[in-house]
Amino acid sequence: MSSLPNCPKCSSEYTYEDGLLFVCPLCAHELAAESEINSLEKEKVFKDSNGNVLIDGDTVSVIKDLKVKGTSSVIKIGTRVKNIRLVDGDHDIDCKIEGFGAMKLKSGFVKIV
């Protein structure tokens, strides 16, 4: 048996190697070589709206008014958020905002203070 990975899109076992890519002939999905995938996973970098790298424990400021889903409340521009925690997912930041409680924010809507 070959050591080529199955296609992540259609689960086909007929992938083939084309240079640095694995290609699925059934759905035409292209997948980077495993060494590239592993290096990309290790190098996950979170950046704020200005392109500065975020780390756990940073203090950030909200750059625009954000509506809080499920309420009529708004997190105002300039609100400081202390001691952020970075997580994987569609929202990059877990934090507590004074007056609102636990929140999840996207890193594109904050800047480092």
C-alpha atoms as a PDB file:
ATOM      1  CA  MET A   1       0.000   0.000   0.000  1.00  0.00           C
ATOM      2  CA  SER A   2       1.128   3.546  -0.573  1.00  0.00           C
ATOM      3  CA  SER A   3       1.831   6.038   2.179  1.00  0.00           C
ATOM      4  CA  LEU A   4      -0.003   8.868   0.404  1.00  0.00           C
ATOM      5  CA  PRO A   5      -2.788  10.521   2.437  1.00  0.00           C
ATOM      6  CA  ASN A   6      -6.452  10.251   1.513  1.00  0.00           C
ATOM      7  CA  CYS A   7      -8.090  13.366   0.115  1.00  0.00           C
ATOM      8  CA  PRO A   8      -9.459  15.464   3.025  1.00  0.00           C
ATOM      9  CA  LYS A   9     -12.272  16.811   0.831  1.00  0.00           C
ATOM     10  CA  CYS A  10     -13.765  13.625  -0.685  1.00  0.00           C
ATOM     11  CA  SER A  11     -11.822  10.883   1.196  1.00  0.00           C
ATOM     12  CA  SER A  12     -10.555   9.383  -2.046  1.00  0.00           C
ATOM     13  CA  GLU A  13      -7.609   7.010  -1.734  1.00  0.00           C
ATOM     14  CA  TYR A  14      -6.391   7.774  -5.271  1.00  0.00           C
ATOM     15  CA  THR A  15      -4.268  10.836  -4.477  1.00  0.00           C
ATOM     16  CA  TYR A  16      -0.987  11.249  -6.286  1.00  0.00           C
ATOM     17  CA  GLU A  17       2.123  13.307  -5.714  1.00  0.00           C
ATOM     18  CA  ASP A  18       2.795  16.261  -8.024  1.00  0.00           C
ATOM     19  CA  GLY A  19       5.948  18.093  -6.968  1.00  0.00           C
ATOM     20  CA  LEU A  20       5.310  19.484  -3.481  1.00  0.00           C
ATOM     21  CA  LEU A  21       1.555  18.803  -3.618  1.00  0.00           C
ATOM     22  CA  PHE A  22      -0.746  15.835  -3.283  1.00  0.00           C
ATOM     23  CA  VAL A  23      -3.569  16.001  -5.845  1.00  0.00           C
ATOM     24  CA  CYS A  24      -6.926  14.207  -5.829  1.00  0.00           C
ATOM     25  CA  PRO A  25      -7.969  13.157  -9.360  1.00  0.00           C
ATOM     26  CA  LEU A  26     -11.646  12.891  -8.388  1.00  0.00           C
ATOM     27  CA  CYS A  27     -12.300  16.355  -6.953  1.00  0.00           C
ATOM     28  CA  ALA A  28      -9.083  18.180  -8.027  1.00  0.00           C
ATOM     29  CA  HIS A  29      -8.301  19.157  -4.424  1.00  0.00           C
ATOM     30  CA  GLU A  30      -4.631  20.011  -3.843  1.00  0.00           C
ATOM     31  CA  LEU A  31      -2.990  19.321  -0.495  1.00  0.00           C
ATOM     32  CA  ALA A  32       0.470  20.470   0.592  1.00  0.00           C
ATOM     33  CA  ALA A  33       3.063  17.833   1.436  1.00  0.00           C
ATOM     34  CA  GLU A  34       2.953  16.568   5.035  1.00  0.00           C
ATOM     35  CA  SER A  35       6.180  18.295   6.007  1.00  0.00           C
ATOM     36  CA  GLU A  36       4.675  21.613   4.904  1.00  0.00           C
ATOM     37  CA  ILE A  37       1.435  20.919   6.781  1.00  0.00           C
ATOM     38  CA  ASN A  38       3.310  20.116   9.992  1.00  0.00           C
ATOM     39  CA  SER A  39       5.419  23.267   9.732  1.00  0.00           C
ATOM     40  CA  LEU A  40       2.329  25.415   9.101  1.00  0.00           C
ATOM     41  CA  GLU A  41       0.540  23.963  12.132  1.00  0.00           C
ATOM     42  CA  LYS A  42       3.513  24.666  14.399  1.00  0.00           C
ATOM     43  CA  GLU A  43       3.834  28.246  13.169  1.00  0.00           C
ATOM     44  CA  LYS A  44       0.286  29.444  13.962  1.00  0.00           C
ATOM     45  CA  VAL A  45       0.728  33.163  14.632  1.00  0.00           C
ATOM     46  CA  PHE A  46      -2.010  35.474  15.881  1.00  0.00           C
ATOM     47  CA  LYS A  47      -1.811  39.124  14.819  1.00  0.00           C
ATOM     48  CA  ASP A  48      -3.789  42.200  15.803  1.00  0.00           C
ATOM     49  CA  SER A  49      -5.349  44.672  13.359  1.00  0.00           C
ATOM     50  CA  ASN A  50      -1.992  46.439  12.867  1.00  0.00           C
ATOM     51  CA  GLY A  51      -0.064  43.221  12.194  1.00  0.00           C
ATOM     52  CA  ASN A  52       1.628  43.014  15.612  1.00  0.00           C
ATOM     53  CA  VAL A  53       2.056  39.497  17.008  1.00  0.00           C
ATOM     54  CA  LEU A  54      -0.208  38.690  19.969  1.00  0.00           C
ATOM     55  CA  ILE A  55       0.827  36.464  22.876  1.00  0.00           C
ATOM     56  CA  ASP A  56      -1.051  35.091  25.889  1.00  0.00           C
ATOM     57  CA  GLY A  57      -1.395  37.670  28.664  1.00  0.00           C
ATOM     58  CA  ASP A  58      -1.310  40.763  26.415  1.00  0.00           C
ATOM     59  CA  THR A  59      -3.511  43.767  27.057  1.00  0.00           C
ATOM     60  CA  VAL A  60      -5.415  44.881  23.978  1.00  0.00           C
ATOM     61  CA  SER A  61      -7.868  47.604  23.009  1.00  0.00           C
ATOM     62  CA  VAL A  62     -11.003  47.183  20.869  1.00  0.00           C
ATOM     63  CA  ILE A  63     -10.722  49.193  17.620  1.00  0.00           C
ATOM     64  CA  LYS A  64     -14.436  49.478  16.750  1.00  0.00           C
ATOM     65  CA  ASP A  65     -17.827  49.182  18.431  1.00  0.00           C
ATOM     66  CA  LEU A  66     -18.779  45.513  18.651  1.00  0.00           C
ATOM     67  CA  LYS A  67     -22.356  44.328  19.115  1.00  0.00           C
ATOM     68  CA  VAL A  68     -22.709  41.555  21.680  1.00  0.00           C
ATOM     69  CA  LYS A  69     -24.665  38.692  20.143  1.00  0.00           C
ATOM     70  CA  GLY A  70     -27.929  37.955  21.930  1.00  0.00           C
ATOM     71  CA  THR A  71     -28.128  41.306  23.732  1.00  0.00           C
ATOM     72  CA  SER A  72     -28.586  44.966  22.920  1.00  0.00           C
ATOM     73  CA  SER A  73     -25.210  45.767  24.515  1.00  0.00           C
ATOM     74  CA  VAL A  74     -22.219  47.159  22.641  1.00  0.00           C
ATOM     75  CA  ILE A  75     -18.540  46.934  23.514  1.00  0.00           C
ATOM     76  CA  LYS A  76     -17.323  50.459  22.828  1.00  0.00           C
ATOM     77  CA  ILE A  77     -14.256  51.447  20.849  1.00  0.00           C
ATOM     78  CA  GLY A  78     -11.214  51.816  23.116  1.00  0.00           C
ATOM     79  CA  THR A  79     -12.355  49.231  25.682  1.00  0.00           C
ATOM     80  CA  ARG A  80      -9.256  47.653  27.243  1.00  0.00           C
ATOM     81  CA  VAL A  81      -9.101  43.907  27.614  1.00  0.00           C
ATOM     82  CA  LYS A  82      -6.447  42.565  29.985  1.00  0.00           C
ATOM     83  CA  ASN A  83      -4.830  39.148  30.146  1.00  0.00           C
ATOM     84  CA  ILE A  84      -6.063  37.655  26.870  1.00  0.00           C
ATOM     85  CA  ARG A  85      -5.774  33.955  26.067  1.00  0.00           C
ATOM     86  CA  LEU A  86      -5.177  32.843  22.472  1.00  0.00           C
ATOM     87  CA  VAL A  87      -7.136  29.834  21.161  1.00  0.00           C
ATOM     88  CA  ASP A  88      -7.711  28.112  17.828  1.00  0.00           C
ATOM     89  CA  GLY A  89     -11.063  28.579  16.151  1.00  0.00           C
ATOM     90  CA  ASP A  90     -13.014  31.250  14.348  1.00  0.00           C
ATOM     91  CA  HIS A  91     -12.585  33.605  17.332  1.00  0.00           C
ATOM     92  CA  ASP A  92      -8.906  33.790  18.322  1.00  0.00           C
ATOM     93  CA  ILE A  93      -9.135  35.417  21.775  1.00  0.00           C
ATOM     94  CA  ASP A  94     -10.785  34.253  25.008  1.00  0.00           C
ATOM     95  CA  CYS A  95     -11.025  37.005  27.609  1.00  0.00           C
ATOM     96  CA  LYS A  96     -13.076  38.643  30.333  1.00  0.00           C
ATOM     97  CA  ILE A  97     -14.354  42.147  29.719  1.00  0.00           C
ATOM     98  CA  GLU A  98     -15.346  44.200  32.713  1.00  0.00           C
ATOM     99  CA  GLY A  99     -19.112  44.698  32.719  1.00  0.00           C
ATOM    100  CA  PHE A 100     -19.698  41.968  30.110  1.00  0.00           C
ATOM    101  CA  GLY A 101     -18.019  38.825  31.450  1.00  0.00           C
ATOM    102  CA  ALA A 102     -16.407  36.066  29.400  1.00  0.00           C
ATOM    103  CA  MET A 103     -16.140  36.856  25.683  1.00  0.00           C
ATOM    104  CA  LYS A 104     -14.548  35.587  22.505  1.00  0.00           C
ATOM    105  CA  LEU A 105     -13.031  38.144  20.129  1.00  0.00           C
ATOM    106  CA  LYS A 106     -11.458  38.029  16.705  1.00  0.00           C
ATOM    107  CA  SER A 107      -7.871  39.250  16.628  1.00  0.00           C
ATOM    108  CA  GLY A 108      -8.650  41.568  13.692  1.00  0.00           C
ATOM    109  CA  PHE A 109     -10.786  43.803  15.933  1.00  0.00           C
ATOM    110  CA  VAL A 110      -8.150  44.529  18.590  1.00  0.00           C
ATOM    111  CA  LYS A 111      -4.797  46.256  18.830  1.00  0.00           C
ATOM    112  CA  ILE A 112      -2.011  45.918  21.394  1.00  0.00           C
ATOM    113  CA  VAL A 113      -1.953  48.690  23.989  1.00  0.00           C
END
